[in-house]
Amino acid sequence: MLDIRYRIDRMKALHALRESGLTETQAQQLDELYQARDEDGMLALLEGATLTPLVRKTFEILRQAQLVGERLTELSRTIPLPHEKIQELYPQMRDIKLAYERLTTEADRFMTRV
């Protein structure tokens, strides 16, 4: 399972959305952005794409994970470590990860029914 706290895993999850109704051009652009490790570019591309409601929810969760993940990374580089601030973010990240896992499980179930 991907750990969406981390940029590389969020990018893998964003790249997996390639198969969810993007145009051929958008899919190619997403591939290029993934190869360039451009998470912000991937988010911008998918923001403008026509996505199904389930994929849109997944996208929004990944965007939330980016915001919290970046904040955690920023705080972890602060000396001395602001333990209280870091601990405050973990319940939020846990909720985001649970929502992502529920949606991906739901999507897997949907795909197996088709």
N, C-alpha and C. Protein backbone atom coordinates (compact mmCIF):
# COMPACT_ATOMS: atom_id res chain seq x y z
N MET A 1 0.85 -1.18 0.00
CA MET A 1 0.00 0.00 0.00
C MET A 1 0.90 1.24 0.00
N LEU A 2 0.47 2.23 -0.76
CA LEU A 2 1.22 3.48 -0.84
C LEU A 2 1.07 4.28 0.44
N ASP A 3 2.13 4.98 0.81
CA ASP A 3 2.08 5.87 1.97
C ASP A 3 2.01 7.29 1.44
N ILE A 4 0.81 7.82 1.34
CA ILE A 4 0.59 9.10 0.67
C ILE A 4 1.08 10.32 1.46
N ARG A 5 1.75 10.06 2.58
CA ARG A 5 2.43 11.18 3.26
C ARG A 5 3.59 11.66 2.41
N TYR A 6 4.14 10.76 1.62
CA TYR A 6 5.37 11.01 0.88
C TYR A 6 5.08 11.32 -0.59
N ARG A 7 5.79 12.30 -1.10
CA ARG A 7 5.60 12.79 -2.47
C ARG A 7 5.69 11.68 -3.50
N ILE A 8 6.67 10.83 -3.40
CA ILE A 8 6.85 9.79 -4.42
C ILE A 8 5.64 8.86 -4.47
N ASP A 9 5.07 8.52 -3.33
CA ASP A 9 3.89 7.66 -3.31
C ASP A 9 2.64 8.40 -3.79
N ARG A 10 2.53 9.68 -3.45
CA ARG A 10 1.40 10.46 -3.97
C ARG A 10 1.48 10.54 -5.49
N MET A 11 2.70 10.71 -6.02
CA MET A 11 2.86 10.78 -7.46
C MET A 11 2.49 9.46 -8.13
N LYS A 12 2.82 8.35 -7.49
CA LYS A 12 2.41 7.04 -8.04
C LYS A 12 0.90 6.94 -8.06
N ALA A 13 0.25 7.41 -7.00
CA ALA A 13 -1.21 7.37 -6.93
C ALA A 13 -1.83 8.29 -7.97
N LEU A 14 -1.26 9.48 -8.15
CA LEU A 14 -1.75 10.39 -9.18
C LEU A 14 -1.57 9.78 -10.57
N HIS A 15 -0.44 9.15 -10.79
CA HIS A 15 -0.17 8.53 -12.09
C HIS A 15 -1.14 7.39 -12.37
N ALA A 16 -1.56 6.70 -11.33
CA ALA A 16 -2.53 5.61 -11.49
C ALA A 16 -3.88 6.13 -11.99
N LEU A 17 -4.16 7.41 -11.79
CA LEU A 17 -5.40 7.99 -12.27
C LEU A 17 -5.40 8.16 -13.79
N ARG A 18 -4.28 7.86 -14.41
CA ARG A 18 -4.12 7.93 -15.86
C ARG A 18 -5.19 7.14 -16.59
N GLU A 19 -5.57 6.02 -16.02
CA GLU A 19 -6.51 5.11 -16.66
C GLU A 19 -7.97 5.45 -16.36
N SER A 20 -8.23 6.64 -15.89
CA SER A 20 -9.59 6.96 -15.45
C SER A 20 -10.26 8.00 -16.34
N GLY A 21 -10.16 7.81 -17.62
CA GLY A 21 -10.90 8.65 -18.55
C GLY A 21 -10.18 9.87 -19.06
N LEU A 22 -8.88 9.95 -18.88
CA LEU A 22 -8.14 11.08 -19.44
C LEU A 22 -8.07 10.92 -20.96
N THR A 23 -7.96 12.04 -21.64
CA THR A 23 -7.74 11.97 -23.08
C THR A 23 -6.34 11.41 -23.32
N GLU A 24 -6.08 11.00 -24.55
CA GLU A 24 -4.75 10.46 -24.87
C GLU A 24 -3.67 11.51 -24.63
N THR A 25 -3.96 12.75 -24.99
CA THR A 25 -3.00 13.85 -24.78
C THR A 25 -2.75 14.07 -23.30
N GLN A 26 -3.82 14.09 -22.50
CA GLN A 26 -3.67 14.29 -21.05
C GLN A 26 -2.89 13.14 -20.43
N ALA A 27 -3.17 11.92 -20.87
CA ALA A 27 -2.45 10.75 -20.33
C ALA A 27 -0.97 10.84 -20.66
N GLN A 28 -0.65 11.28 -21.88
CA GLN A 28 0.75 11.43 -22.27
C GLN A 28 1.42 12.53 -21.44
N GLN A 29 0.71 13.64 -21.23
CA GLN A 29 1.25 14.73 -20.42
C GLN A 29 1.48 14.26 -18.98
N LEU A 30 0.54 13.48 -18.46
CA LEU A 30 0.67 12.96 -17.10
C LEU A 30 1.90 12.06 -17.00
N ASP A 31 2.13 11.23 -18.02
CA ASP A 31 3.33 10.38 -18.06
C ASP A 31 4.60 11.23 -18.02
N GLU A 32 4.61 12.29 -18.82
CA GLU A 32 5.79 13.16 -18.87
C GLU A 32 6.02 13.85 -17.54
N LEU A 33 4.96 14.33 -16.92
CA LEU A 33 5.08 14.98 -15.62
C LEU A 33 5.56 13.99 -14.55
N TYR A 34 5.06 12.77 -14.64
CA TYR A 34 5.49 11.73 -13.69
C TYR A 34 6.98 11.44 -13.86
N GLN A 35 7.43 11.32 -15.11
CA GLN A 35 8.84 11.08 -15.37
C GLN A 35 9.71 12.24 -14.89
N ALA A 36 9.18 13.46 -14.97
CA ALA A 36 9.91 14.66 -14.53
C ALA A 36 9.79 14.87 -13.03
N ARG A 37 9.03 14.02 -12.34
CA ARG A 37 8.80 14.12 -10.89
C ARG A 37 8.17 15.46 -10.52
N ASP A 38 7.20 15.89 -11.33
CA ASP A 38 6.53 17.18 -11.14
C ASP A 38 5.15 16.96 -10.54
N GLU A 39 5.09 16.85 -9.22
CA GLU A 39 3.82 16.61 -8.55
C GLU A 39 2.85 17.77 -8.76
N ASP A 40 3.33 19.00 -8.65
CA ASP A 40 2.46 20.15 -8.83
C ASP A 40 1.87 20.18 -10.25
N GLY A 41 2.68 19.84 -11.24
CA GLY A 41 2.20 19.78 -12.62
C GLY A 41 1.14 18.70 -12.79
N MET A 42 1.35 17.55 -12.13
CA MET A 42 0.36 16.47 -12.20
C MET A 42 -0.96 16.92 -11.59
N LEU A 43 -0.88 17.59 -10.45
CA LEU A 43 -2.09 18.08 -9.79
C LEU A 43 -2.81 19.09 -10.67
N ALA A 44 -2.06 19.99 -11.30
CA ALA A 44 -2.67 21.01 -12.16
C ALA A 44 -3.35 20.36 -13.37
N LEU A 45 -2.70 19.37 -13.96
CA LEU A 45 -3.27 18.68 -15.12
C LEU A 45 -4.57 17.98 -14.74
N LEU A 46 -4.54 17.26 -13.64
CA LEU A 46 -5.73 16.52 -13.21
C LEU A 46 -6.84 17.46 -12.74
N GLU A 47 -6.47 18.60 -12.21
CA GLU A 47 -7.47 19.59 -11.79
C GLU A 47 -8.34 20.00 -12.97
N GLY A 48 -7.73 20.16 -14.12
CA GLY A 48 -8.46 20.59 -15.31
C GLY A 48 -9.10 19.46 -16.09
N ALA A 49 -8.86 18.23 -15.70
CA ALA A 49 -9.39 17.08 -16.44
C ALA A 49 -10.82 16.76 -16.01
N THR A 50 -11.54 16.11 -16.89
CA THR A 50 -12.88 15.64 -16.56
C THR A 50 -12.73 14.27 -15.90
N LEU A 51 -13.05 14.22 -14.61
CA LEU A 51 -12.88 12.99 -13.84
C LEU A 51 -14.23 12.51 -13.33
N THR A 52 -14.37 11.21 -13.18
CA THR A 52 -15.58 10.66 -12.58
C THR A 52 -15.65 11.11 -11.12
N PRO A 53 -16.83 11.07 -10.51
CA PRO A 53 -16.93 11.49 -9.10
C PRO A 53 -15.99 10.72 -8.17
N LEU A 54 -15.86 9.42 -8.36
CA LEU A 54 -14.98 8.63 -7.50
C LEU A 54 -13.52 9.03 -7.68
N VAL A 55 -13.12 9.24 -8.93
CA VAL A 55 -11.74 9.66 -9.21
C VAL A 55 -11.51 11.08 -8.71
N ARG A 56 -12.50 11.94 -8.82
CA ARG A 56 -12.38 13.32 -8.32
C ARG A 56 -12.16 13.31 -6.81
N LYS A 57 -12.90 12.45 -6.10
CA LYS A 57 -12.71 12.33 -4.64
C LYS A 57 -11.29 11.86 -4.32
N THR A 58 -10.82 10.87 -5.09
CA THR A 58 -9.46 10.37 -4.88
C THR A 58 -8.45 11.49 -5.10
N PHE A 59 -8.64 12.25 -6.16
CA PHE A 59 -7.76 13.37 -6.47
C PHE A 59 -7.75 14.39 -5.33
N GLU A 60 -8.93 14.72 -4.81
CA GLU A 60 -9.02 15.71 -3.73
C GLU A 60 -8.32 15.20 -2.46
N ILE A 61 -8.45 13.93 -2.18
CA ILE A 61 -7.76 13.35 -1.02
C ILE A 61 -6.25 13.43 -1.21
N LEU A 62 -5.78 13.15 -2.42
CA LEU A 62 -4.34 13.23 -2.68
C LEU A 62 -3.84 14.67 -2.56
N ARG A 63 -4.67 15.62 -2.95
CA ARG A 63 -4.28 17.02 -2.80
C ARG A 63 -4.18 17.38 -1.31
N GLN A 64 -5.13 16.91 -0.49
CA GLN A 64 -5.07 17.15 0.95
C GLN A 64 -3.82 16.50 1.54
N ALA A 65 -3.52 15.30 1.08
CA ALA A 65 -2.33 14.59 1.57
C ALA A 65 -1.06 15.38 1.23
N GLN A 66 -1.05 16.02 0.07
CA GLN A 66 0.11 16.82 -0.30
C GLN A 66 0.30 17.97 0.69
N LEU A 67 -0.77 18.65 1.01
CA LEU A 67 -0.67 19.81 1.92
C LEU A 67 -0.16 19.38 3.29
N VAL A 68 -0.75 18.33 3.84
CA VAL A 68 -0.34 17.88 5.18
C VAL A 68 1.05 17.26 5.13
N GLY A 69 1.33 16.47 4.09
CA GLY A 69 2.64 15.84 3.96
C GLY A 69 3.76 16.87 3.85
N GLU A 70 3.53 17.91 3.06
CA GLU A 70 4.54 18.97 2.94
C GLU A 70 4.74 19.70 4.26
N ARG A 71 3.66 19.91 4.98
CA ARG A 71 3.78 20.57 6.29
C ARG A 71 4.58 19.70 7.26
N LEU A 72 4.31 18.40 7.26
CA LEU A 72 5.07 17.48 8.12
C LEU A 72 6.55 17.49 7.76
N THR A 73 6.84 17.50 6.47
CA THR A 73 8.23 17.53 6.03
C THR A 73 8.91 18.82 6.48
N GLU A 74 8.20 19.92 6.30
CA GLU A 74 8.73 21.22 6.71
C GLU A 74 9.03 21.24 8.21
N LEU A 75 8.08 20.76 9.00
CA LEU A 75 8.27 20.76 10.45
C LEU A 75 9.39 19.82 10.88
N SER A 76 9.55 18.72 10.16
CA SER A 76 10.59 17.74 10.54
C SER A 76 12.00 18.27 10.27
N ARG A 77 12.09 19.34 9.51
CA ARG A 77 13.40 19.94 9.20
C ARG A 77 13.72 21.11 10.13
N THR A 78 12.83 21.37 11.07
CA THR A 78 13.01 22.48 12.00
C THR A 78 13.78 22.00 13.23
N ILE A 79 14.74 22.80 13.64
CA ILE A 79 15.51 22.49 14.84
C ILE A 79 15.23 23.59 15.85
N PRO A 80 14.83 23.30 17.05
CA PRO A 80 14.48 21.97 17.55
C PRO A 80 13.13 21.53 16.97
N LEU A 81 12.95 20.21 16.93
CA LEU A 81 11.71 19.65 16.38
C LEU A 81 10.49 20.15 17.16
N PRO A 82 9.50 20.67 16.45
CA PRO A 82 8.26 21.09 17.11
C PRO A 82 7.32 19.90 17.29
N HIS A 83 7.61 19.06 18.26
CA HIS A 83 6.89 17.80 18.44
C HIS A 83 5.38 17.98 18.54
N GLU A 84 4.95 19.01 19.27
CA GLU A 84 3.51 19.21 19.44
C GLU A 84 2.83 19.49 18.10
N LYS A 85 3.44 20.34 17.29
CA LYS A 85 2.85 20.67 15.99
C LYS A 85 2.82 19.45 15.07
N ILE A 86 3.88 18.66 15.13
CA ILE A 86 3.93 17.44 14.31
C ILE A 86 2.84 16.48 14.76
N GLN A 87 2.72 16.28 16.06
CA GLN A 87 1.71 15.36 16.58
C GLN A 87 0.29 15.81 16.25
N GLU A 88 0.08 17.10 16.17
CA GLU A 88 -1.25 17.61 15.82
C GLU A 88 -1.66 17.21 14.39
N LEU A 89 -0.67 17.06 13.52
CA LEU A 89 -0.97 16.75 12.12
C LEU A 89 -1.21 15.26 11.87
N TYR A 90 -0.70 14.40 12.74
CA TYR A 90 -0.82 12.97 12.48
C TYR A 90 -2.26 12.45 12.47
N PRO A 91 -3.15 12.89 13.36
CA PRO A 91 -4.55 12.43 13.24
C PRO A 91 -5.18 12.85 11.90
N GLN A 92 -4.87 14.04 11.45
CA GLN A 92 -5.39 14.52 10.17
C GLN A 92 -4.86 13.65 9.03
N MET A 93 -3.57 13.34 9.05
CA MET A 93 -2.99 12.49 8.00
C MET A 93 -3.58 11.09 8.07
N ARG A 94 -3.79 10.58 9.26
CA ARG A 94 -4.38 9.24 9.41
C ARG A 94 -5.78 9.22 8.78
N ASP A 95 -6.57 10.26 9.02
CA ASP A 95 -7.91 10.34 8.43
C ASP A 95 -7.84 10.41 6.90
N ILE A 96 -6.90 11.16 6.40
CA ILE A 96 -6.72 11.27 4.94
C ILE A 96 -6.33 9.91 4.36
N LYS A 97 -5.40 9.22 5.01
CA LYS A 97 -4.98 7.90 4.52
C LYS A 97 -6.13 6.90 4.56
N LEU A 98 -6.94 6.93 5.62
CA LEU A 98 -8.09 6.03 5.71
C LEU A 98 -9.09 6.32 4.59
N ALA A 99 -9.35 7.59 4.34
CA ALA A 99 -10.28 7.96 3.27
C ALA A 99 -9.75 7.48 1.92
N TYR A 100 -8.45 7.62 1.70
CA TYR A 100 -7.84 7.16 0.46
C TYR A 100 -7.96 5.64 0.32
N GLU A 101 -7.66 4.93 1.40
CA GLU A 101 -7.74 3.47 1.36
C GLU A 101 -9.17 3.01 1.11
N ARG A 102 -10.14 3.66 1.72
CA ARG A 102 -11.55 3.31 1.48
C ARG A 102 -11.93 3.52 0.02
N LEU A 103 -11.53 4.66 -0.53
CA LEU A 103 -11.87 4.95 -1.92
C LEU A 103 -11.19 3.99 -2.89
N THR A 104 -9.93 3.67 -2.65
CA THR A 104 -9.25 2.76 -3.56
C THR A 104 -9.82 1.35 -3.45
N THR A 105 -10.24 0.96 -2.27
CA THR A 105 -10.89 -0.35 -2.09
C THR A 105 -12.23 -0.35 -2.81
N GLU A 106 -12.97 0.75 -2.67
CA GLU A 106 -14.26 0.88 -3.35
C GLU A 106 -14.08 0.83 -4.87
N ALA A 107 -13.06 1.51 -5.37
CA ALA A 107 -12.78 1.51 -6.80
C ALA A 107 -12.40 0.12 -7.27
N ASP A 108 -11.62 -0.61 -6.49
CA ASP A 108 -11.24 -1.99 -6.85
C ASP A 108 -12.47 -2.87 -6.94
N ARG A 109 -13.38 -2.73 -5.97
CA ARG A 109 -14.61 -3.52 -6.00
C ARG A 109 -15.44 -3.18 -7.23
N PHE A 110 -15.51 -1.90 -7.55
CA PHE A 110 -16.28 -1.47 -8.72
C PHE A 110 -15.68 -2.07 -9.99
N MET A 111 -14.37 -2.03 -10.11
CA MET A 111 -13.71 -2.53 -11.31
C MET A 111 -13.88 -4.03 -11.47
N THR A 112 -13.97 -4.77 -10.39
CA THR A 112 -14.14 -6.20 -10.50
C THR A 112 -15.57 -6.57 -10.87
N ARG A 113 -16.52 -5.66 -10.65
CA ARG A 113 -17.92 -5.91 -11.02
C ARG A 113 -18.17 -5.63 -12.49
N VAL A 114 -17.37 -4.80 -13.11
CA VAL A 114 -17.61 -4.39 -14.49
C VAL A 114 -17.37 -5.52 -15.45
